[in-house]
Protein backbone atom coordinates (compact mmCIF):
# COMPACT_ATOMS: atom_id res chain seq x y z
CA UNK A 1 -2.15 3.22 37.26
CA UNK A 2 1.28 3.61 35.65
CA UNK A 3 1.44 -0.02 34.53
CA UNK A 4 -2.17 -0.44 33.35
CA UNK A 5 -2.30 -2.56 30.15
CA UNK A 6 1.49 -2.55 29.98
CA UNK A 7 3.77 -5.54 29.37
CA UNK A 8 3.91 -6.28 33.09
CA UNK A 9 0.58 -8.03 32.48
CA UNK A 10 2.56 -10.68 30.56
CA UNK A 11 3.35 -13.20 33.35
CA UNK A 12 6.79 -14.27 32.09
CA UNK A 13 8.08 -10.70 32.10
CA UNK A 14 7.51 -10.47 35.85
CA UNK A 15 8.97 -13.92 36.59
CA UNK A 16 12.35 -13.67 34.83
CA UNK A 17 14.74 -10.74 34.36
CA UNK A 18 14.42 -9.18 30.86
CA UNK A 19 16.48 -6.24 29.63
CA UNK A 20 14.04 -3.38 28.87
CA UNK A 21 16.43 -1.95 26.25
CA UNK A 22 16.32 -5.19 24.25
CA UNK A 23 12.52 -5.32 24.47
CA UNK A 24 12.28 -1.77 23.13
CA UNK A 25 14.85 -2.28 20.37
CA UNK A 26 13.37 -5.52 19.04
CA UNK A 27 9.73 -4.42 19.26
CA UNK A 28 10.30 -1.17 17.39
CA UNK A 29 8.61 0.82 20.16
CA UNK A 30 10.08 4.16 21.16
CA UNK A 31 9.92 3.44 24.90
CA UNK A 32 9.11 0.60 27.25
CA UNK A 33 5.90 2.24 28.45
CA UNK A 34 4.55 2.33 24.90
CA UNK A 35 4.42 -1.47 24.70
CA UNK A 36 1.06 -2.99 25.61
CA UNK A 37 0.40 -6.50 26.83
CA UNK A 38 -1.62 -7.31 23.69
CA UNK A 39 1.49 -6.63 21.60
CA UNK A 40 3.64 -9.21 23.40
CA UNK A 41 3.17 -13.00 23.40
CA UNK A 42 4.81 -15.75 25.42
CA UNK A 43 6.20 -18.46 23.13
CA UNK A 44 7.00 -21.65 25.04
CA UNK A 45 7.03 -23.48 21.70
CA UNK A 46 10.48 -22.01 20.98
CA UNK A 47 11.92 -24.66 23.30
CA UNK A 48 10.77 -27.42 20.95
CA UNK A 49 11.88 -26.02 17.58
CA UNK A 50 14.56 -28.03 15.77
CA UNK A 51 13.70 -26.80 12.27
CA UNK A 52 10.79 -25.08 10.54
CA UNK A 53 9.54 -28.23 8.80
CA UNK A 54 8.62 -30.37 11.80
CA UNK A 55 5.48 -30.09 13.93
CA UNK A 56 6.91 -27.35 16.15
CA UNK A 57 7.85 -25.45 12.99
CA UNK A 58 4.26 -25.74 11.80
CA UNK A 59 3.13 -24.28 15.12
CA UNK A 60 5.58 -21.40 14.60
CA UNK A 61 3.92 -20.78 11.22
CA UNK A 62 0.51 -20.56 12.85
CA UNK A 63 1.81 -18.19 15.52
CA UNK A 64 3.48 -16.02 12.86
CA UNK A 65 0.20 -15.78 10.96
CA UNK A 66 -1.59 -14.73 14.15
CA UNK A 67 1.12 -12.22 15.06
CA UNK A 68 1.10 -10.49 11.68
CA UNK A 69 -2.72 -10.42 11.54
CA UNK A 70 -2.99 -8.98 15.07
CA UNK A 71 0.07 -6.70 14.95
CA UNK A 72 1.92 -8.54 17.71
CA UNK A 73 5.31 -6.84 18.08
CA UNK A 74 7.25 -9.30 20.19
CA UNK A 75 7.55 -12.95 21.15
CA UNK A 76 9.16 -13.58 24.53
CA UNK A 77 10.37 -16.85 26.02
CA UNK A 78 12.87 -18.50 28.31
CA UNK A 79 14.75 -21.38 26.73
CA UNK A 80 17.29 -23.85 28.01
CA UNK A 81 20.62 -22.06 27.68
CA UNK A 82 22.25 -24.86 25.69
CA UNK A 83 19.47 -24.55 23.07
CA UNK A 84 19.96 -20.85 22.32
CA UNK A 85 22.56 -21.40 19.58
CA UNK A 86 20.39 -24.06 17.93
CA UNK A 87 17.43 -21.69 17.99
CA UNK A 88 19.52 -18.91 16.46
CA UNK A 89 20.68 -21.28 13.74
CA UNK A 90 17.04 -22.00 12.81
CA UNK A 91 15.67 -18.45 12.98
CA UNK A 92 18.82 -16.38 12.46
CA UNK A 93 21.25 -14.86 14.95
CA UNK A 94 19.79 -11.42 14.26
CA UNK A 95 16.25 -12.70 14.86
CA UNK A 96 16.58 -14.55 18.17
CA UNK A 97 17.97 -11.98 20.58
CA UNK A 98 19.21 -12.81 24.05
CA UNK A 99 17.37 -10.46 26.42
CA UNK A 100 19.13 -11.11 29.71
CA UNK A 101 21.62 -13.20 31.63
CA UNK A 102 21.22 -16.95 32.00
CA UNK A 103 19.66 -17.82 35.34
CA UNK A 104 19.12 -20.95 37.38
CA UNK A 105 15.69 -22.42 36.82
CA UNK A 106 13.30 -20.61 39.20
CA UNK A 107 11.28 -22.91 41.40
CA UNK A 108 7.99 -21.74 39.87
CA UNK A 109 9.26 -22.78 36.40
CA UNK A 110 10.72 -26.12 37.46
CA UNK A 111 7.64 -28.02 36.28
CA UNK A 112 8.13 -26.63 32.77
CA UNK A 113 11.87 -27.34 32.68
CA UNK A 114 12.39 -30.43 34.87
CA UNK A 115 15.77 -31.33 33.33
CA UNK A 116 17.23 -27.87 32.72
CA UNK A 117 19.91 -26.20 34.82
CA UNK A 118 20.05 -22.74 33.24
CA UNK A 119 17.47 -20.67 31.37
CA UNK A 120 18.10 -17.74 29.04
CA UNK A 121 15.47 -15.08 28.23
CA UNK A 122 15.10 -14.46 24.49
CA UNK A 123 12.91 -12.30 22.28
CA UNK A 124 11.88 -12.51 18.62
CA UNK A 125 10.30 -9.83 16.45
CA UNK A 126 7.65 -11.51 14.24
CA UNK A 127 8.00 -8.63 11.77
CA UNK A 128 11.76 -9.10 11.42
CA UNK A 129 11.31 -12.86 11.15
CA UNK A 130 8.75 -12.45 8.36
CA UNK A 131 10.99 -10.05 6.43
CA UNK A 132 13.98 -12.38 6.78
CA UNK A 133 12.02 -15.31 5.38
CA UNK A 134 10.56 -13.35 2.46
CA UNK A 135 14.00 -11.97 1.60
CA UNK A 136 15.61 -15.39 1.95
CA UNK A 137 15.64 -18.51 -0.21
CA UNK A 138 12.79 -19.68 -2.39
CA UNK A 139 12.06 -22.51 0.06
CA UNK A 140 11.74 -19.97 2.89
CA UNK A 141 9.35 -17.84 0.82
CA UNK A 142 7.34 -20.97 0.01
CA UNK A 143 7.18 -21.76 3.73
CA UNK A 144 5.62 -18.34 4.33
CA UNK A 145 3.14 -18.82 1.46
CA UNK A 146 2.04 -22.14 2.91
CA UNK A 147 1.70 -21.06 6.53
CA UNK A 148 0.29 -17.57 6.04
CA UNK A 149 -2.13 -18.57 3.29
CA UNK A 150 -5.56 -17.05 3.83
CA UNK A 151 -4.41 -14.39 6.28
CA UNK A 152 -7.06 -11.69 6.72
CA UNK A 153 -5.82 -8.29 5.61
CA UNK A 154 -8.22 -6.26 7.77
CA UNK A 155 -5.75 -5.77 10.61
CA UNK A 156 -2.41 -6.13 8.86
CA UNK A 157 0.03 -3.23 8.94
CA UNK A 158 0.38 -1.57 5.53
CA UNK A 159 4.07 -2.51 5.36
CA UNK A 160 3.29 -6.20 5.85
CA UNK A 161 0.29 -6.09 3.52
CA UNK A 162 2.46 -4.80 0.66
CA UNK A 163 5.24 -7.28 1.43
CA UNK A 164 2.91 -10.29 1.54
CA UNK A 165 1.16 -9.35 -1.70
CA UNK A 166 4.41 -8.80 -3.56
CA UNK A 167 5.66 -12.20 -2.34
CA UNK A 168 2.64 -14.06 -3.67
CA UNK A 169 1.03 -14.91 -0.33
CA UNK A 170 -2.69 -15.64 -0.68
CA UNK A 171 -4.50 -12.95 1.32
CA UNK A 172 -8.17 -12.42 2.16
CA UNK A 173 -8.55 -9.07 0.44
CA UNK A 174 -10.42 -6.22 2.09
CA UNK A 175 -11.22 -2.92 0.46
CA UNK A 176 -9.02 0.04 1.29
CA UNK A 177 -12.04 1.82 2.79
CA UNK A 178 -12.80 -1.15 5.06
CA UNK A 179 -9.20 -1.31 6.26
CA UNK A 180 -9.07 2.44 6.81
CA UNK A 181 -12.15 2.40 9.03
CA UNK A 182 -10.56 -0.32 11.18
CA UNK A 183 -7.58 1.92 11.82
CA UNK A 184 -7.85 3.87 15.12
CA UNK A 185 -5.47 6.46 13.71
CA UNK A 186 -7.65 7.06 10.65
CA UNK A 187 -10.78 7.38 12.82
CA UNK A 188 -8.97 9.92 14.99
CA UNK A 189 -7.93 11.91 11.92
CA UNK A 190 -11.47 11.81 10.54
CA UNK A 191 -13.18 12.95 13.75
CA UNK A 192 -10.76 15.80 14.43
CA UNK A 193 -10.79 16.87 10.77
CA UNK A 194 -14.59 17.08 10.70
CA UNK A 195 -14.65 19.03 13.97
CA UNK A 196 -11.95 21.49 12.92
CA UNK A 197 -13.59 21.98 9.51
CA UNK A 198 -16.87 23.01 11.13
CA UNK A 199 -15.57 25.34 13.83
CA UNK A 200 -16.52 28.43 11.78
CA UNK A 201 -20.24 27.63 11.57
CA UNK A 202 -21.23 29.12 14.97
CA UNK A 203 -19.76 32.46 13.83
CA UNK A 204 -22.79 32.91 11.58
CA UNK A 205 -24.79 33.61 14.75
CA UNK A 206 -22.32 36.14 16.23
CA UNK A 207 -23.69 39.68 15.55
CA UNK A 208 -20.39 41.50 16.21
CA UNK A 209 -18.39 39.57 13.60
CA UNK A 210 -17.72 41.75 10.52
CA UNK A 211 -15.35 39.54 8.57
CA UNK A 212 -16.07 36.92 5.92
CA UNK A 213 -17.47 33.62 7.15
CA UNK A 214 -16.02 32.03 4.00
CA UNK A 215 -12.52 33.28 4.83
CA UNK A 216 -12.89 32.01 8.39
CA UNK A 217 -14.17 28.67 7.11
CA UNK A 218 -11.25 28.46 4.65
CA UNK A 219 -8.83 29.01 7.54
CA UNK A 220 -10.53 26.18 9.39
CA UNK A 221 -10.31 23.82 6.42
CA UNK A 222 -6.69 24.60 5.56
CA UNK A 223 -5.56 24.25 9.17
CA UNK A 224 -7.65 21.11 9.75
CA UNK A 225 -5.05 18.66 8.41
CA UNK A 226 -2.03 20.06 10.31
CA UNK A 227 -4.23 20.54 13.39
CA UNK A 228 -5.35 16.92 13.24
CA UNK A 229 -1.78 15.69 12.76
CA UNK A 230 -0.62 17.91 15.62
CA UNK A 231 -3.21 16.64 18.11
CA UNK A 232 -2.35 13.01 17.37
CA UNK A 233 1.39 13.67 17.61
CA UNK A 234 0.92 15.67 20.80
CA UNK A 235 -0.69 12.71 22.56
CA UNK A 236 0.85 9.73 20.73
CA UNK A 237 4.11 10.91 19.14
CA UNK A 238 6.94 8.36 19.28
CA UNK A 239 9.49 10.84 20.69
CA UNK A 240 9.28 13.88 22.95
CA UNK A 241 10.45 16.09 20.06
CA UNK A 242 7.51 14.97 17.93
CA UNK A 243 5.12 15.50 20.83
CA UNK A 244 6.55 18.99 21.40
CA UNK A 245 6.23 19.76 17.67
CA UNK A 246 2.64 18.53 17.88
CA UNK A 247 1.95 20.90 20.77
CA UNK A 248 3.39 23.91 18.89
CA UNK A 249 1.52 23.14 15.65
CA UNK A 250 -1.71 22.39 17.55
CA UNK A 251 -1.54 25.75 19.31
CA UNK A 252 -0.79 27.65 16.10
CA UNK A 253 -3.46 25.99 13.99
CA UNK A 254 -6.05 26.13 16.76
CA UNK A 255 -5.57 29.86 17.37
CA UNK A 256 -5.28 30.95 13.70
CA UNK A 257 -9.03 31.08 12.89
CA UNK A 258 -9.75 32.83 16.20
CA UNK A 259 -7.14 35.51 15.44
CA UNK A 260 -9.07 36.33 12.26
CA UNK A 261 -12.29 36.34 14.27
CA UNK A 262 -10.72 38.72 16.82
CA UNK A 263 -9.33 41.04 14.13
CA UNK A 264 -12.77 41.36 12.52
CA UNK A 265 -15.08 41.55 15.48
CA UNK A 266 -15.49 42.06 19.20
CA UNK A 267 -15.69 39.81 22.20
CA UNK A 268 -12.84 37.42 21.44
CA UNK A 269 -14.00 34.14 23.04
CA UNK A 270 -12.32 33.77 26.49
CA UNK A 271 -12.66 30.00 26.17
CA UNK A 272 -9.88 30.13 23.56
CA UNK A 273 -7.34 31.24 26.18
CA UNK A 274 -8.53 28.50 28.51
CA UNK A 275 -8.12 25.87 25.80
CA UNK A 276 -4.62 27.10 24.91
CA UNK A 277 -3.59 26.85 28.57
CA UNK A 278 -5.24 23.42 28.70
CA UNK A 279 -3.14 22.23 25.75
CA UNK A 280 0.08 23.26 27.48
CA UNK A 281 -0.89 21.73 30.83
CA UNK A 282 -2.04 18.52 29.13
CA UNK A 283 1.27 18.22 27.27
CA UNK A 284 3.22 18.57 30.52
CA UNK A 285 1.03 16.04 32.34
CA UNK A 286 1.38 13.56 29.47
CA UNK A 287 5.18 13.75 29.64
CA UNK A 288 5.14 13.28 33.42
CA UNK A 289 2.84 10.27 33.09
CA UNK A 290 4.96 8.72 30.32
CA UNK A 291 8.11 9.19 32.39
CA UNK A 292 6.49 7.56 35.41
CA UNK A 293 5.13 4.69 33.31
CA UNK A 294 8.54 4.03 31.75
CA UNK A 295 10.21 3.96 35.16
CA UNK A 296 7.60 1.66 36.70
CA UNK A 297 7.48 -0.83 33.82
CA UNK A 298 11.28 -0.95 33.37
CA UNK A 299 11.78 -1.57 37.09
CA UNK A 300 9.34 -4.48 37.21
CA UNK A 301 10.63 -6.11 34.00
CA UNK A 302 14.31 -5.77 34.84
CA UNK A 303 13.82 -7.13 38.35
CA UNK A 304 11.66 -10.04 37.18
């Protein structure tokens, strides 16, 4: 349960020792448990790269296009130890990061490395690699234009979309509305915003309410945005401080309209208290689960 859809589903990460701290740092994730298997790709082709102009370099271009289009955060590989410096010379020493100690070739990898004696685990961030190329020489920028030509913008991160456009890369344009509706985060905001904006409507049918429905509805609308942000941060915030802030803001913005309802009527809904308690319990359970997931994933990856 703790490792479901995590990076332990990537075979290489359970076969060779990788340092979880390096995986987290290079991926940009806040914790090892936040990395999903779909965000990490094995890259055996790194063993064949001599430069970016040969056939292996062309394959790297295709993989970079795929990674940026699908928001892949990390490439992982084991390479022959004597080739690490050559690989860093091609990509950049700050791009190819050693992610563990060199090890003797495991028996189950012998068929892939029949002549090697030592293997070194390495990781590459496609995002960092792209930025390095586009901030590099004109020939490097031209390499990106050639290999990422025709990339579909529907799934590209906003940061990369802006960077590619400003660098003259030919992109399959999608409307902002289309791209927004493909964003899970936007859909979450939209659903919660609509719900929180309509919470006041049932009050019309409550005979003991003596306040203004319009005031109550205004409270709902004005708290909808922070309430939506808070719910998303509470469940998906990158740090525990952000998740705690999400919990506090969610509680405050959820209760605010009901306080007005209570001050201007009778029979304050008991379900409100239950929901408030539910928020707090859910926040605690989420933190316990995240802690357990981090421990389980880190243990498997570091032990290989």
